[in-house]
């Protein structure tokens, strides 16, 4: 594995947040943080020791308090090397997310198998360096 896999899940729907965390954990990825709204996510990036930050964020687009695009801006401004995959049922925000620095856009509903395959490719095979991921 090229990098130590550390992930964060930002999803306001509790059951989906837990499912994403479980998928990541079962794929051998350490989930170092999770958040249920945008403000909570931003707090993680403002207060955490850089060594404990995730290197992959699954970020929902429609979040309470602060939306996913605003969270994306904060992450990319303060930690541009962190890979951020937007997860949304809305396909019309893909281009905007890409312009703001998202590394990929995953349309809901996403199958567990395709999400696991993507995550393994990112960490185990160091694929997608510099490429925008569409799933």
Protein backbone atom coordinates (compact mmCIF):
# COMPACT_ATOMS: atom_id res chain seq x y z
CA UNK A 1 0.00 0.00 0.00
CA UNK A 2 1.44 3.34 -1.02
CA UNK A 3 -0.02 5.39 1.82
CA UNK A 4 -1.39 4.62 5.22
CA UNK A 5 -5.14 4.69 4.58
CA UNK A 6 -6.97 7.08 6.90
CA UNK A 7 -10.51 8.15 6.09
CA UNK A 8 -13.27 10.46 7.22
CA UNK A 9 -16.96 10.09 6.46
CA UNK A 10 -19.13 13.20 6.34
CA UNK A 11 -22.77 12.18 5.93
CA UNK A 12 -25.82 13.53 7.76
CA UNK A 13 -27.91 10.38 7.32
CA UNK A 14 -26.86 8.33 10.35
CA UNK A 15 -27.42 4.88 8.84
CA UNK A 16 -25.52 5.78 5.66
CA UNK A 17 -22.68 7.28 7.70
CA UNK A 18 -22.40 4.02 9.65
CA UNK A 19 -22.53 1.93 6.45
CA UNK A 20 -19.76 3.96 4.82
CA UNK A 21 -17.64 3.68 7.98
CA UNK A 22 -18.20 -0.08 8.06
CA UNK A 23 -17.29 -0.44 4.37
CA UNK A 24 -14.07 1.49 4.90
CA UNK A 25 -13.14 -0.42 8.05
CA UNK A 26 -13.86 -3.78 6.39
CA UNK A 27 -11.62 -2.69 3.51
CA UNK A 28 -8.72 -2.18 5.92
CA UNK A 29 -9.03 1.59 6.10
CA UNK A 30 -8.75 3.33 9.44
CA UNK A 31 -11.71 5.69 9.89
CA UNK A 32 -10.11 8.49 11.89
CA UNK A 33 -13.15 10.79 11.95
CA UNK A 34 -16.78 11.09 11.03
CA UNK A 35 -19.17 14.01 10.99
CA UNK A 36 -22.91 14.43 10.57
CA UNK A 37 -22.94 18.05 9.38
CA UNK A 38 -20.65 20.46 7.59
CA UNK A 39 -19.75 22.54 10.63
CA UNK A 40 -18.65 19.43 12.52
CA UNK A 41 -16.50 18.39 9.55
CA UNK A 42 -14.79 21.78 9.33
CA UNK A 43 -14.00 21.60 13.06
CA UNK A 44 -12.07 18.38 12.49
CA UNK A 45 -9.85 20.07 9.91
CA UNK A 46 -9.33 23.19 12.02
CA UNK A 47 -8.44 21.47 15.28
CA UNK A 48 -6.71 18.21 14.45
CA UNK A 49 -3.03 17.40 14.43
CA UNK A 50 -2.08 17.08 10.72
CA UNK A 51 -0.64 13.61 11.37
CA UNK A 52 -4.08 12.41 12.51
CA UNK A 53 -6.06 13.88 9.62
CA UNK A 54 -7.59 11.62 6.99
CA UNK A 55 -6.08 11.31 3.54
CA UNK A 56 -9.45 10.40 2.05
CA UNK A 57 -12.79 12.06 2.76
CA UNK A 58 -16.17 10.75 1.63
CA UNK A 59 -18.14 14.00 1.66
CA UNK A 60 -21.90 14.27 1.21
CA UNK A 61 -23.02 17.29 -0.77
CA UNK A 62 -26.25 18.18 1.02
CA UNK A 63 -25.40 18.66 4.69
CA UNK A 64 -27.00 20.64 7.51
CA UNK A 65 -25.31 23.81 8.81
CA UNK A 66 -22.64 24.05 6.09
CA UNK A 67 -23.06 22.35 2.71
CA UNK A 68 -20.55 19.93 1.25
CA UNK A 69 -19.18 22.37 -1.33
CA UNK A 70 -18.25 24.83 1.44
CA UNK A 71 -16.60 22.02 3.40
CA UNK A 72 -14.72 21.05 0.25
CA UNK A 73 -13.40 24.62 -0.10
CA UNK A 74 -12.10 24.58 3.48
CA UNK A 75 -10.43 21.19 3.10
CA UNK A 76 -8.73 22.08 -0.18
CA UNK A 77 -7.61 25.50 1.10
CA UNK A 78 -6.04 24.15 4.27
CA UNK A 79 -5.07 20.60 3.19
CA UNK A 80 -4.89 20.40 -0.63
CA UNK A 81 -3.33 16.92 -0.61
CA UNK A 82 -6.32 15.27 1.06
CA UNK A 83 -8.39 13.33 -1.47
CA UNK A 84 -12.05 14.35 -1.34
CA UNK A 85 -14.73 12.24 -2.98
CA UNK A 86 -18.10 13.97 -3.11
CA UNK A 87 -21.07 11.65 -2.62
CA UNK A 88 -24.46 12.86 -3.79
CA UNK A 89 -27.74 11.98 -5.44
CA UNK A 90 -27.49 15.25 -7.40
CA UNK A 91 -25.61 14.96 -10.67
CA UNK A 92 -25.85 18.67 -11.51
CA UNK A 93 -23.21 19.70 -8.92
CA UNK A 94 -20.44 17.50 -10.38
CA UNK A 95 -18.74 20.23 -12.45
CA UNK A 96 -18.86 22.74 -9.61
CA UNK A 97 -17.36 20.21 -7.22
CA UNK A 98 -14.60 19.44 -9.72
CA UNK A 99 -13.83 23.16 -10.15
CA UNK A 100 -13.56 23.55 -6.37
CA UNK A 101 -10.99 20.77 -6.17
CA UNK A 102 -12.96 17.57 -5.56
CA UNK A 103 -11.02 14.49 -6.60
CA UNK A 104 -14.14 12.60 -7.55
CA UNK A 105 -17.92 12.50 -7.61
CA UNK A 106 -19.88 9.42 -6.61
CA UNK A 107 -23.57 9.32 -7.43
CA UNK A 108 -25.92 7.79 -4.86
CA UNK A 109 -27.00 5.12 -4.63
CA UNK A 110 -23.57 3.55 -4.86
CA UNK A 111 -23.12 -0.19 -4.57
CA UNK A 112 -20.93 -1.52 -1.80
CA UNK A 113 -18.89 -3.53 -4.31
CA UNK A 114 -18.07 -0.53 -6.50
CA UNK A 115 -17.17 1.63 -3.48
CA UNK A 116 -14.88 -1.07 -2.04
CA UNK A 117 -13.22 -1.58 -5.45
CA UNK A 118 -12.62 2.15 -5.82
CA UNK A 119 -11.14 2.52 -2.33
CA UNK A 120 -8.82 -0.46 -2.82
CA UNK A 121 -7.64 0.97 -6.13
CA UNK A 122 -6.95 4.34 -4.52
CA UNK A 123 -4.88 2.96 -1.66
CA UNK A 124 -3.51 -0.40 -2.75
CA UNK A 125 -2.73 0.37 -6.35
CA UNK A 126 -2.18 4.14 -6.03
CA UNK A 127 -4.51 4.65 -8.95
CA UNK A 128 -6.26 7.89 -9.86
CA UNK A 129 -3.34 10.19 -9.09
CA UNK A 130 -4.41 13.47 -10.64
CA UNK A 131 -7.47 11.98 -12.29
CA UNK A 132 -11.05 12.98 -11.55
CA UNK A 133 -13.04 9.94 -10.42
CA UNK A 134 -16.58 9.49 -11.69
CA UNK A 135 -18.61 6.66 -10.21
